[in-house]
Amino acid sequence: MNEVDSTWNRELIHNLVDDDTANRIFAIPISEGRPEDINKLIHEGTKFSMPHLLGFIRGYEQDLWLVRENLCVSTTLMRNEVWRPPDYGFIKINFDASFIPGNNFAIIVILARNHKGEVIEAVTYLVEDVDDTFVAEARACERALILVKLKGFRRLIVEGDSLAVIKKLTKNEEDRSIIRPIVHNIHRLRQGFDEVSYQFVNRPLNAVAHTLAVEGRHRKVCGAWVDGLPVTVRSVVEEDWLRWCQRI
């Protein structure tokens, strides 16, 4: 739950459960919730009984337990993962977003590297009218495709640490989420490339984009980093390449 406005943390829930379960969770009214939340339930005709609600919560607790168990296993495997450069002829894009609650805007980041691990594009943008981190991450991915299309790149690997966004981009089904218009535009943009793939990575493998987002927010840089990357970002880039070279 978001502590600032007492609403469901949509990105977290989307990362933990499937879309159908997530929608059921969002339909549960939060104590002292906003009037518009209650009105939404009434106008949408959502009906629930206390036994049904308690049963759903118990089942959801069991699902969370299974998720935690799976995370314990996957975390061990993730420790051995390293950032992988793209094949020759491809570029790899890492995107991220730093959402600023209360102001409805976010810093989004696009960083592109070639097969040698060299940074060929690094950009930060300030975007407005952003509802939450879920939307901010989707906007970052959308802006990434716009940027590299203008630069003339044709074959891309797009990485992000928002599982919810990556799932939306890789599923072949109708999207009814809040980011539906963004997802639709991303699919439209994809038609202008020879090849595009989307990959979910954990936060350590997306550290370079996250670090650049922090620096962009701190330094208030909007646009390309024409004066060079901050030392903190260069360090992550070098570490990624070193770990790749030492992987065997």
Protein backbone atom coordinates (compact mmCIF):
# COMPACT_ATOMS: atom_id res chain seq x y z
CA MET A 1 0.00 0.00 0.00
CA ASN A 2 1.18 3.53 -0.73
CA GLU A 3 1.68 5.35 2.56
CA VAL A 4 1.31 8.80 1.03
CA ASP A 5 -2.25 8.51 -0.28
CA SER A 6 -3.42 5.20 1.27
CA THR A 7 -4.00 3.50 -2.06
CA TRP A 8 -2.97 0.12 -3.40
CA ASN A 9 0.62 -0.12 -4.66
CA ARG A 10 -0.36 -1.13 -8.17
CA GLU A 11 3.11 -1.99 -9.45
CA LEU A 12 3.91 -4.22 -6.46
CA ILE A 13 0.64 -6.12 -6.78
CA HIS A 14 1.06 -6.53 -10.56
CA ASN A 15 4.54 -7.93 -9.92
CA LEU A 16 3.22 -10.46 -7.40
CA VAL A 17 0.03 -11.77 -9.00
CA ASP A 18 -1.65 -12.14 -12.38
CA ASP A 19 -3.85 -9.41 -13.85
CA ASP A 20 -7.14 -11.04 -12.85
CA THR A 21 -6.06 -11.40 -9.22
CA ALA A 22 -4.67 -7.86 -9.24
CA ASN A 23 -8.02 -6.47 -10.41
CA ARG A 24 -9.78 -8.36 -7.61
CA ILE A 25 -7.39 -6.85 -5.07
CA PHE A 26 -7.93 -3.33 -6.43
CA ALA A 27 -11.69 -3.87 -5.99
CA ILE A 28 -11.26 -4.26 -2.22
CA PRO A 29 -12.05 -0.91 -0.52
CA ILE A 30 -9.33 0.36 1.79
CA SER A 31 -10.29 1.57 5.25
CA GLU A 32 -10.76 5.34 5.19
CA GLY A 33 -10.29 5.18 1.45
CA ARG A 34 -10.89 8.12 -0.81
CA PRO A 35 -14.55 8.85 -1.66
CA GLU A 36 -13.82 8.44 -5.36
CA ASP A 37 -12.59 4.88 -4.66
CA ILE A 38 -15.88 3.96 -2.99
CA ASN A 39 -17.88 5.66 -5.76
CA LYS A 40 -15.91 3.67 -8.33
CA LEU A 41 -16.93 0.43 -6.64
CA ILE A 42 -20.59 1.48 -6.58
CA HIS A 43 -20.75 2.64 -10.19
CA GLU A 44 -18.93 -0.45 -11.45
CA GLY A 45 -21.38 -2.67 -9.61
CA THR A 46 -18.73 -4.51 -7.59
CA LYS A 47 -20.37 -6.80 -5.01
CA PHE A 48 -18.68 -8.67 -2.24
CA SER A 49 -19.59 -10.41 1.04
CA MET A 50 -17.48 -10.57 4.17
CA PRO A 51 -16.95 -14.38 3.98
CA HIS A 52 -15.94 -14.04 0.32
CA LEU A 53 -13.59 -11.20 1.18
CA LEU A 54 -11.98 -13.10 4.06
CA GLY A 55 -11.60 -16.20 1.92
CA PHE A 56 -9.96 -14.20 -0.83
CA ILE A 57 -7.53 -12.58 1.62
CA ARG A 58 -6.57 -15.98 3.07
CA GLY A 59 -5.98 -17.31 -0.41
CA TYR A 60 -3.98 -14.22 -1.28
CA GLU A 61 -1.81 -14.77 1.82
CA GLN A 62 -1.06 -18.29 0.59
CA ASP A 63 -0.15 -16.90 -2.83
CA LEU A 64 2.22 -14.42 -1.21
CA TRP A 65 3.86 -17.22 0.76
CA LEU A 66 4.46 -19.14 -2.47
CA VAL A 67 5.85 -16.00 -4.10
CA ARG A 68 8.28 -15.50 -1.20
CA GLU A 69 9.39 -19.12 -1.46
CA ASN A 70 10.00 -18.72 -5.18
CA LEU A 71 11.85 -15.47 -4.60
CA CYS A 72 14.21 -17.18 -2.16
CA VAL A 73 15.13 -19.68 -4.87
CA SER A 74 15.34 -17.12 -7.68
CA THR A 75 17.40 -14.72 -5.57
CA THR A 76 20.10 -17.36 -5.22
CA LEU A 77 20.15 -17.80 -8.99
CA MET A 78 20.19 -14.04 -9.58
CA ARG A 79 23.40 -13.63 -7.62
CA ASN A 80 25.23 -15.42 -10.40
CA GLU A 81 23.65 -13.35 -13.17
CA VAL A 82 25.63 -10.66 -14.96
CA TRP A 83 24.70 -7.97 -17.45
CA ARG A 84 25.07 -9.37 -20.94
CA PRO A 85 26.07 -7.20 -23.93
CA PRO A 86 23.97 -7.53 -27.08
CA ASP A 87 25.16 -9.36 -30.17
CA TYR A 88 26.91 -7.39 -32.89
CA GLY A 89 24.37 -5.31 -34.83
CA PHE A 90 22.05 -4.94 -31.84
CA ILE A 91 21.89 -2.33 -29.11
CA LYS A 92 20.70 -2.98 -25.60
CA ILE A 93 18.55 -0.38 -23.87
CA ASN A 94 18.02 -0.17 -20.14
CA PHE A 95 15.18 2.03 -18.93
CA ASP A 96 14.09 3.15 -15.49
CA ALA A 97 11.97 5.80 -13.78
CA SER A 98 12.17 7.77 -10.56
CA PHE A 99 8.60 8.66 -9.56
CA ILE A 100 8.08 11.71 -7.35
CA PRO A 101 4.90 11.22 -5.24
CA GLY A 102 2.64 14.21 -4.71
CA ASN A 103 3.90 16.10 -7.76
CA ASN A 104 2.66 13.73 -10.47
CA PHE A 105 5.90 13.78 -12.39
CA ALA A 106 8.88 11.50 -12.79
CA ILE A 107 12.44 11.36 -14.06
CA ILE A 108 12.76 8.70 -16.74
CA VAL A 109 16.01 7.28 -18.05
CA ILE A 110 17.15 5.66 -21.28
CA LEU A 111 20.68 4.26 -21.57
CA ALA A 112 21.83 2.33 -24.65
CA ARG A 113 24.96 0.19 -25.03
CA ASN A 114 26.51 -1.65 -27.97
CA HIS A 115 28.10 -5.11 -28.23
CA LYS A 116 31.29 -3.78 -26.60
CA GLY A 117 29.42 -2.49 -23.56
CA GLU A 118 30.02 1.11 -24.64
CA VAL A 119 27.37 3.72 -23.84
CA ILE A 120 26.10 5.21 -27.09
CA GLU A 121 23.06 7.07 -25.72
CA ALA A 122 22.22 8.33 -22.23
CA VAL A 123 19.21 10.56 -21.71
CA THR A 124 17.03 11.70 -18.82
CA TYR A 125 13.61 13.28 -19.22
CA LEU A 126 11.13 14.96 -16.92
CA VAL A 127 7.59 13.73 -17.62
CA GLU A 128 4.42 15.19 -16.15
CA ASP A 129 0.91 13.86 -15.48
CA VAL A 130 2.24 10.56 -14.14
CA ASP A 131 -0.06 8.72 -11.73
CA ASP A 132 2.39 6.22 -10.25
CA THR A 133 5.60 4.25 -10.79
CA PHE A 134 3.77 1.77 -13.02
CA VAL A 135 2.89 4.54 -15.49
CA ALA A 136 6.34 6.16 -15.19
CA GLU A 137 8.10 2.91 -16.13
CA ALA A 138 5.83 2.45 -19.14
CA ARG A 139 6.49 6.02 -20.27
CA ALA A 140 10.24 5.37 -19.96
CA CYS A 141 10.01 2.35 -22.24
CA GLU A 142 7.90 4.29 -24.73
CA ARG A 143 10.37 7.18 -24.81
CA ALA A 144 13.23 4.72 -25.29
CA LEU A 145 11.75 3.44 -28.55
CA ILE A 146 11.08 6.99 -29.75
CA LEU A 147 14.69 7.99 -29.04
CA VAL A 148 16.41 5.06 -30.74
CA LYS A 149 14.08 5.27 -33.73
CA LEU A 150 15.21 8.87 -34.27
CA LYS A 151 18.82 7.71 -33.99
CA GLY A 152 18.31 5.12 -36.72
CA PHE A 153 18.87 1.92 -34.71
CA ARG A 154 17.03 -1.08 -36.14
CA ARG A 155 17.56 -4.04 -33.79
CA LEU A 156 16.96 -3.65 -30.08
CA ILE A 157 16.94 -5.50 -26.80
CA VAL A 158 14.96 -3.54 -24.22
CA GLU A 159 15.54 -4.30 -20.53
CA GLY A 160 13.69 -3.01 -17.49
CA ASP A 161 13.14 -4.02 -13.88
CA SER A 162 9.37 -3.46 -13.92
CA LEU A 163 7.93 -6.94 -14.35
CA ALA A 164 4.43 -5.53 -14.75
CA VAL A 165 5.42 -3.40 -17.74
CA ILE A 166 7.47 -6.15 -19.41
CA LYS A 167 4.56 -8.58 -18.99
CA LYS A 168 2.21 -6.13 -20.69
CA LEU A 169 4.58 -5.79 -23.65
CA THR A 170 5.10 -9.52 -24.17
CA LYS A 171 1.54 -10.79 -23.72
CA ASN A 172 -0.64 -11.36 -26.77
CA GLU A 173 -3.90 -10.38 -25.15
CA GLU A 174 -6.07 -7.31 -24.72
CA ASP A 175 -4.69 -4.87 -22.19
CA ARG A 176 -7.19 -3.19 -19.87
CA SER A 177 -4.74 -1.58 -17.48
CA ILE A 178 -4.08 2.10 -16.88
CA ILE A 179 -1.09 1.96 -19.24
CA ARG A 180 -3.13 0.58 -22.16
CA PRO A 181 -2.63 3.68 -24.40
CA ILE A 182 1.13 3.61 -23.74
CA VAL A 183 1.38 -0.11 -24.48
CA HIS A 184 -0.60 0.40 -27.70
CA ASN A 185 1.80 3.14 -28.82
CA ILE A 186 4.83 1.00 -27.96
CA HIS A 187 3.47 -1.80 -30.15
CA ARG A 188 2.92 0.74 -32.94
CA LEU A 189 6.48 2.05 -32.59
CA ARG A 190 7.82 -1.50 -32.66
CA GLN A 191 6.69 -1.83 -36.28
CA GLY A 192 9.39 0.66 -37.30
CA PHE A 193 12.21 -1.70 -36.28
CA ASP A 194 13.64 -4.88 -37.75
CA GLU A 195 13.68 -6.66 -34.40
CA VAL A 196 12.73 -5.76 -30.83
CA SER A 197 12.69 -7.97 -27.74
CA TYR A 198 11.74 -7.11 -24.16
CA GLN A 199 13.44 -8.65 -21.14
CA PHE A 200 12.78 -8.34 -17.43
CA VAL A 201 15.90 -7.99 -15.28
CA ASN A 202 16.30 -7.64 -11.53
CA ARG A 203 17.37 -4.31 -10.05
CA PRO A 204 21.13 -5.13 -9.83
CA LEU A 205 21.23 -5.83 -13.58
CA ASN A 206 19.43 -2.52 -14.18
CA ALA A 207 21.70 -0.60 -11.80
CA VAL A 208 23.14 1.62 -14.53
CA ALA A 209 19.72 3.03 -15.43
CA HIS A 210 18.69 3.36 -11.80
CA THR A 211 21.92 5.21 -10.95
CA LEU A 212 21.43 7.58 -13.88
CA ALA A 213 17.86 8.25 -12.74
CA VAL A 214 19.13 9.22 -9.29
CA GLU A 215 21.79 11.47 -10.79
CA GLY A 216 19.33 13.06 -13.20
CA ARG A 217 16.93 13.81 -10.38
CA HIS A 218 19.69 15.21 -8.17
CA ARG A 219 21.35 17.32 -10.87
CA LYS A 220 18.11 18.26 -12.62
CA VAL A 221 19.45 17.21 -16.02
CA CYS A 222 16.79 16.96 -18.73
CA GLY A 223 18.06 15.70 -22.07
CA ALA A 224 21.24 14.04 -23.29
CA TRP A 225 24.29 13.94 -21.05
CA VAL A 226 26.45 15.86 -23.53
CA ASP A 227 29.11 16.69 -20.93
CA GLY A 228 29.70 13.05 -20.09
CA LEU A 229 28.23 10.60 -17.64
CA PRO A 230 28.61 11.05 -13.87
CA VAL A 231 31.37 9.05 -12.22
CA THR A 232 28.80 6.89 -10.42
CA VAL A 233 27.21 5.84 -13.71
CA ARG A 234 30.54 5.21 -15.44
CA SER A 235 31.54 2.99 -12.52
CA VAL A 236 28.46 0.82 -12.98
CA VAL A 237 29.08 0.59 -16.74
CA GLU A 238 32.66 -0.51 -16.15
CA GLU A 239 31.63 -3.00 -13.49
CA ASP A 240 29.00 -4.53 -15.79
CA TRP A 241 31.60 -5.06 -18.51
CA LEU A 242 34.21 -6.39 -16.10
CA ARG A 243 31.80 -8.92 -14.62
CA TRP A 244 30.84 -10.03 -18.11
CA CYS A 245 34.49 -10.56 -19.06
CA GLN A 246 35.13 -12.50 -15.84
CA ARG A 247 31.96 -14.61 -15.98
CA ILE A 248 33.81 -17.88 -16.77
